C-alpha atoms as a PDB file:
ATOM      1  CA  MET A   1     -19.035 -14.932 -12.349  1.00  0.00           C
ATOM      2  CA  LEU A   2     -17.123 -11.729 -12.830  1.00  0.00           C
ATOM      3  CA  SER A   3     -17.722  -9.594 -15.873  1.00  0.00           C
ATOM      4  CA  ASN A   4     -14.706  -9.238 -18.149  1.00  0.00           C
ATOM      5  CA  LYS A   5     -14.384  -5.582 -17.134  1.00  0.00           C
ATOM      6  CA  LEU A   6     -14.463  -6.279 -13.381  1.00  0.00           C
ATOM      7  CA  GLN A   7     -12.081  -9.214 -13.744  1.00  0.00           C
ATOM      8  CA  SER A   8      -9.669  -6.987 -15.639  1.00  0.00           C
ATOM      9  CA  GLU A   9      -9.993  -4.159 -13.096  1.00  0.00           C
ATOM     10  CA  LEU A  10      -9.565  -6.498 -10.125  1.00  0.00           C
ATOM     11  CA  ASN A  11      -6.423  -7.919 -11.718  1.00  0.00           C
ATOM     12  CA  LYS A  12      -5.177  -4.394 -12.295  1.00  0.00           C
ATOM     13  CA  GLN A  13      -5.781  -3.526  -8.632  1.00  0.00           C
ATOM     14  CA  MET A  14      -4.120  -6.739  -7.469  1.00  0.00           C
ATOM     15  CA  ASN A  15      -1.056  -5.807  -9.483  1.00  0.00           C
ATOM     16  CA  ASN A  16      -1.204  -2.254  -8.089  1.00  0.00           C
ATOM     17  CA  GLU A  17      -0.980  -3.782  -4.617  1.00  0.00           C
ATOM     18  CA  PHE A  18       2.077  -5.817  -5.647  1.00  0.00           C
ATOM     19  CA  VAL A  19       3.609  -2.615  -7.058  1.00  0.00           C
ATOM     20  CA  SER A  20       2.943  -0.971  -3.685  1.00  0.00           C
ATOM     21  CA  GLU A  21       4.708  -3.843  -1.957  1.00  0.00           C
ATOM     22  CA  TYR A  22       7.722  -3.357  -4.211  1.00  0.00           C
ATOM     23  CA  GLU A  23       7.738   0.432  -3.729  1.00  0.00           C
ATOM     24  CA  TYR A  24       7.698   0.069   0.048  1.00  0.00           C
ATOM     25  CA  LEU A  25      10.426  -2.552  -0.045  1.00  0.00           C
ATOM     26  CA  SER A  26      12.612  -0.066  -1.910  1.00  0.00           C
ATOM     27  CA  MET A  27      11.851   2.561   0.718  1.00  0.00           C
ATOM     28  CA  ALA A  28      12.823   0.097   3.448  1.00  0.00           C
ATOM     29  CA  ALA A  29      16.129  -0.537   1.681  1.00  0.00           C
ATOM     30  CA  TYR A  30      16.808   3.213   1.579  1.00  0.00           C
ATOM     31  CA  PHE A  31      16.476   3.455   5.340  1.00  0.00           C
ATOM     32  CA  HIS A  32      18.535   0.311   5.926  1.00  0.00           C
ATOM     33  CA  CYS A  33      21.347   1.985   3.971  1.00  0.00           C
ATOM     34  CA  MET A  34      21.091   4.928   6.384  1.00  0.00           C
ATOM     35  CA  ASN A  35      21.310   2.528   9.361  1.00  0.00           C
ATOM     36  CA  LEU A  36      17.780   3.519  10.344  1.00  0.00           C
ATOM     37  CA  ASP A  37      16.449   0.002  10.763  1.00  0.00           C
ATOM     38  CA  GLY A  38      13.430   1.131  12.769  1.00  0.00           C
ATOM     39  CA  ILE A  39      12.145   3.330   9.949  1.00  0.00           C
ATOM     40  CA  ALA A  40      13.031   0.528   7.539  1.00  0.00           C
ATOM     41  CA  ASN A  41      10.796  -1.682   9.697  1.00  0.00           C
ATOM     42  CA  TYR A  42       7.937   0.800   9.199  1.00  0.00           C
ATOM     43  CA  PHE A  43       8.216   0.168   5.461  1.00  0.00           C
ATOM     44  CA  HIS A  44       8.678  -3.584   5.870  1.00  0.00           C
ATOM     45  CA  VAL A  45       5.337  -3.616   7.677  1.00  0.00           C
ATOM     46  CA  GLN A  46       3.880  -1.672   4.749  1.00  0.00           C
ATOM     47  CA  THR A  47       5.215  -4.323   2.349  1.00  0.00           C
ATOM     48  CA  GLN A  48       3.498  -7.040   4.370  1.00  0.00           C
ATOM     49  CA  GLU A  49       0.222  -5.124   4.344  1.00  0.00           C
ATOM     50  CA  GLU A  50       0.387  -4.563   0.591  1.00  0.00           C
ATOM     51  CA  HIS A  51       1.163  -8.232  -0.024  1.00  0.00           C
ATOM     52  CA  PHE A  52      -1.843  -9.155   2.108  1.00  0.00           C
ATOM     53  CA  HIS A  53      -4.018  -6.736   0.102  1.00  0.00           C
ATOM     54  CA  ALA A  54      -2.847  -8.234  -3.204  1.00  0.00           C
ATOM     55  CA  MET A  55      -3.375 -11.815  -2.094  1.00  0.00           C
ATOM     56  CA  LYS A  56      -6.847 -11.002  -0.794  1.00  0.00           C
ATOM     57  CA  ILE A  57      -7.786  -9.874  -4.317  1.00  0.00           C
ATOM     58  CA  PHE A  58      -5.948 -12.868  -5.826  1.00  0.00           C
ATOM     59  CA  HIS A  59      -8.145 -15.286  -3.843  1.00  0.00           C
ATOM     60  CA  PHE A  60     -11.314 -13.295  -4.452  1.00  0.00           C
ATOM     61  CA  ILE A  61     -10.824 -13.475  -8.218  1.00  0.00           C
ATOM     62  CA  ILE A  62     -10.361 -17.240  -7.988  1.00  0.00           C
ATOM     63  CA  ASP A  63     -13.339 -17.665  -5.636  1.00  0.00           C
ATOM     64  CA  LYS A  64     -15.504 -15.788  -8.155  1.00  0.00           C
ATOM     65  CA  GLY A  65     -14.424 -18.137 -10.945  1.00  0.00           C
ATOM     66  CA  GLY A  66     -12.184 -15.552 -12.560  1.00  0.00           C
ATOM     67  CA  LYS A  67      -8.696 -15.751 -13.965  1.00  0.00           C
ATOM     68  CA  VAL A  68      -5.724 -14.222 -12.173  1.00  0.00           C
ATOM     69  CA  GLU A  69      -3.403 -12.339 -14.521  1.00  0.00           C
ATOM     70  CA  LEU A  70      -0.103 -11.292 -12.992  1.00  0.00           C
ATOM     71  CA  GLN A  71       1.726  -8.487 -14.735  1.00  0.00           C
ATOM     72  CA  GLN A  72       5.297  -7.274 -14.840  1.00  0.00           C
ATOM     73  CA  ILE A  73       6.325  -4.906 -12.058  1.00  0.00           C
ATOM     74  CA  ALA A  74       8.509  -1.943 -12.944  1.00  0.00           C
ATOM     75  CA  LYS A  75      11.647  -1.072 -11.046  1.00  0.00           C
ATOM     76  CA  PRO A  76      10.763   1.261  -8.174  1.00  0.00           C
ATOM     77  CA  ASP A  77      12.550   4.451  -7.193  1.00  0.00           C
ATOM     78  CA  TYR A  78      15.463   3.701  -4.901  1.00  0.00           C
ATOM     79  CA  ASP A  79      17.596   6.836  -4.730  1.00  0.00           C
ATOM     80  CA  PHE A  80      15.604   9.313  -2.668  1.00  0.00           C
ATOM     81  CA  ALA A  81      16.711  12.889  -1.966  1.00  0.00           C
ATOM     82  CA  SER A  82      15.855  12.754   1.735  1.00  0.00           C
ATOM     83  CA  PRO A  83      13.821  10.916   4.372  1.00  0.00           C
ATOM     84  CA  ILE A  84      11.080  13.512   3.946  1.00  0.00           C
ATOM     85  CA  VAL A  85      10.863  12.784   0.212  1.00  0.00           C
ATOM     86  CA  VAL A  86      10.361   9.088   0.967  1.00  0.00           C
ATOM     87  CA  PHE A  87       7.372   9.841   3.178  1.00  0.00           C
ATOM     88  CA  GLU A  88       6.001  12.342   0.638  1.00  0.00           C
ATOM     89  CA  LYS A  89       6.170   9.633  -2.023  1.00  0.00           C
ATOM     90  CA  ALA A  90       4.507   7.142   0.337  1.00  0.00           C
ATOM     91  CA  LEU A  91       1.561   9.496   0.907  1.00  0.00           C
ATOM     92  CA  GLU A  92       1.332  10.308  -2.806  1.00  0.00           C
ATOM     93  CA  HIS A  93       1.328   6.582  -3.550  1.00  0.00           C
ATOM     94  CA  GLU A  94      -1.471   5.884  -1.049  1.00  0.00           C
ATOM     95  CA  LYS A  95      -3.586   8.622  -2.619  1.00  0.00           C
ATOM     96  CA  LYS A  96      -3.047   7.007  -6.026  1.00  0.00           C
ATOM     97  CA  VAL A  97      -4.149   3.631  -4.640  1.00  0.00           C
ATOM     98  CA  THR A  98      -7.243   5.247  -3.130  1.00  0.00           C
ATOM     99  CA  ARG A  99      -8.195   6.705  -6.516  1.00  0.00           C
ATOM    100  CA  SER A 100      -7.715   3.301  -8.129  1.00  0.00           C
ATOM    101  CA  ILE A 101      -9.903   1.553  -5.564  1.00  0.00           C
ATOM    102  CA  ASN A 102     -12.569   4.232  -5.889  1.00  0.00           C
ATOM    103  CA  ASP A 103     -12.592   3.739  -9.669  1.00  0.00           C
ATOM    104  CA  LEU A 104     -12.936  -0.011  -9.178  1.00  0.00           C
ATOM    105  CA  MET A 105     -15.778   0.524  -6.707  1.00  0.00           C
ATOM    106  CA  ASP A 106     -17.495   2.824  -9.216  1.00  0.00           C
ATOM    107  CA  GLU A 107     -17.354   0.020 -11.787  1.00  0.00           C
ATOM    108  CA  ALA A 108     -18.784  -2.521  -9.318  1.00  0.00           C
ATOM    109  CA  ILE A 109     -21.644  -0.123  -8.552  1.00  0.00           C
ATOM    110  CA  LYS A 110     -22.203   0.572 -12.249  1.00  0.00           C
ATOM    111  CA  GLU A 111     -22.420  -3.165 -12.956  1.00  0.00           C
ATOM    112  CA  ASN A 112     -24.591  -3.709  -9.886  1.00  0.00           C
ATOM    113  CA  ASP A 113     -22.203  -6.452  -8.707  1.00  0.00           C
ATOM    114  CA  HIS A 114     -23.023  -6.671  -5.011  1.00  0.00           C
ATOM    115  CA  ALA A 115     -20.339  -9.246  -4.221  1.00  0.00           C
ATOM    116  CA  VAL A 116     -17.529  -7.098  -5.652  1.00  0.00           C
ATOM    117  CA  ASN A 117     -19.014  -3.987  -4.069  1.00  0.00           C
ATOM    118  CA  ASN A 118     -19.132  -5.672  -0.664  1.00  0.00           C
ATOM    119  CA  PHE A 119     -15.604  -7.045  -1.084  1.00  0.00           C
ATOM    120  CA  LEU A 120     -14.227  -3.615  -1.983  1.00  0.00           C
ATOM    121  CA  ARG A 121     -15.754  -1.879   1.042  1.00  0.00           C
ATOM    122  CA  TRP A 122     -12.919  -3.315   3.144  1.00  0.00           C
ATOM    123  CA  TYR A 123     -10.398  -1.673   0.788  1.00  0.00           C
ATOM    124  CA  VAL A 124     -12.216   1.664   0.925  1.00  0.00           C
ATOM    125  CA  ASP A 125     -12.031   1.608   4.729  1.00  0.00           C
ATOM    126  CA  GLU A 126      -8.432   0.383   4.662  1.00  0.00           C
ATOM    127  CA  GLN A 127      -7.378   3.281   2.438  1.00  0.00           C
ATOM    128  CA  VAL A 128      -8.717   5.802   4.927  1.00  0.00           C
ATOM    129  CA  GLU A 129      -6.383   4.202   7.481  1.00  0.00           C
ATOM    130  CA  GLU A 130      -3.470   3.957   5.023  1.00  0.00           C
ATOM    131  CA  GLU A 131      -3.676   7.611   4.005  1.00  0.00           C
ATOM    132  CA  ALA A 132      -4.044   8.760   7.611  1.00  0.00           C
ATOM    133  CA  MET A 133      -0.962   6.773   8.671  1.00  0.00           C
ATOM    134  CA  ALA A 134       1.083   8.053   5.732  1.00  0.00           C
ATOM    135  CA  SER A 135      -0.024  11.640   6.353  1.00  0.00           C
ATOM    136  CA  LYS A 136       0.715  11.484  10.077  1.00  0.00           C
ATOM    137  CA  SER A 137       4.121   9.896   9.486  1.00  0.00           C
ATOM    138  CA  LEU A 138       5.006  12.521   6.878  1.00  0.00           C
ATOM    139  CA  GLY A 139       3.923  15.267   9.241  1.00  0.00           C
ATOM    140  CA  ARG A 140       6.144  13.921  11.976  1.00  0.00           C
ATOM    141  CA  MET A 141       9.068  13.585   9.580  1.00  0.00           C
ATOM    142  CA  GLN A 142       8.541  17.195   8.459  1.00  0.00           C
ATOM    143  CA  LEU A 143       8.306  18.342  12.067  1.00  0.00           C
ATOM    144  CA  ILE A 144      11.834  17.080  12.720  1.00  0.00           C
ATOM    145  CA  ASP A 145      13.009  18.241   9.295  1.00  0.00           C
ATOM    146  CA  GLY A 146      14.027  14.648   8.513  1.00  0.00           C
ATOM    147  CA  LYS A 147      17.197  14.776  10.547  1.00  0.00           C
ATOM    148  CA  GLY A 148      18.934  14.947  13.875  1.00  0.00           C
ATOM    149  CA  GLU A 149      17.847  13.522  17.167  1.00  0.00           C
ATOM    150  CA  GLY A 150      14.213  13.567  16.064  1.00  0.00           C
ATOM    151  CA  LEU A 151      15.056  11.160  13.260  1.00  0.00           C
ATOM    152  CA  LEU A 152      16.660   8.806  15.750  1.00  0.00           C
ATOM    153  CA  LEU A 153      13.597   9.001  18.001  1.00  0.00           C
ATOM    154  CA  LEU A 154      11.290   8.175  15.076  1.00  0.00           C
ATOM    155  CA  ASP A 155      13.613   5.330  14.149  1.00  0.00           C
ATOM    156  CA  GLN A 156      13.304   3.935  17.654  1.00  0.00           C
ATOM    157  CA  GLU A 157       9.518   4.337  17.685  1.00  0.00           C
ATOM    158  CA  PHE A 158       8.952   2.780  14.257  1.00  0.00           C
ATOM    159  CA  ALA A 159      11.068  -0.241  15.216  1.00  0.00           C
ATOM    160  CA  SER A 160       8.173  -1.565  17.313  1.00  0.00           C
ATOM    161  CA  ARG A 161       5.587  -1.486  14.511  1.00  0.00           C
ATOM    162  CA  SER A 162       4.363  -4.912  13.428  1.00  0.00           C
ATOM    163  CA  PHE A 163       1.927  -6.402  10.963  1.00  0.00           C
ATOM    164  CA  ILE A 164      -1.104  -8.270  12.230  1.00  0.00           C
ATOM    165  CA  ALA A 165      -3.209  -9.707   9.444  1.00  0.00           C
ATOM    166  CA  PRO A 166      -6.842  -8.574   9.759  1.00  0.00           C
ATOM    167  CA  LYS A 167      -9.465 -11.207  10.420  1.00  0.00           C
ATOM    168  CA  GLU A 168     -11.647 -11.835   7.457  1.00  0.00           C
END
């Protein structure tokens, strides 16, 4: 069984992952409006990853005999100043998620809950990858100053990105 605190924190993190999905979907829409469907695809893949992350927690809570509590999701930003700003916000968002997962891991360690601790290790590792991808993508967007032929090349490159669900 999950403690009340861990159940609450896991639900909070699950909802954070759904918020991430929604944020990235808004970013995808921004790039669709610019006719940059390849970069939009980059963010569609992010939405799929975030949905996977949320559902993984959803099922873990149930498997541990807990109660899933879905919460309202606020309207995300949708009117960005530039392509660079979108990628800055994506990196900022991933750092926020990392802090949230670290806090949740701290609670699992504090409560000596080995099952939750073990479950969260995947998220800790995943966030290293998520932040690295967001940082690298932002750096590339900054390198081309978010415009011109470089933007079209990134659009073409990001069009081939796809989501492959990790094996559990």
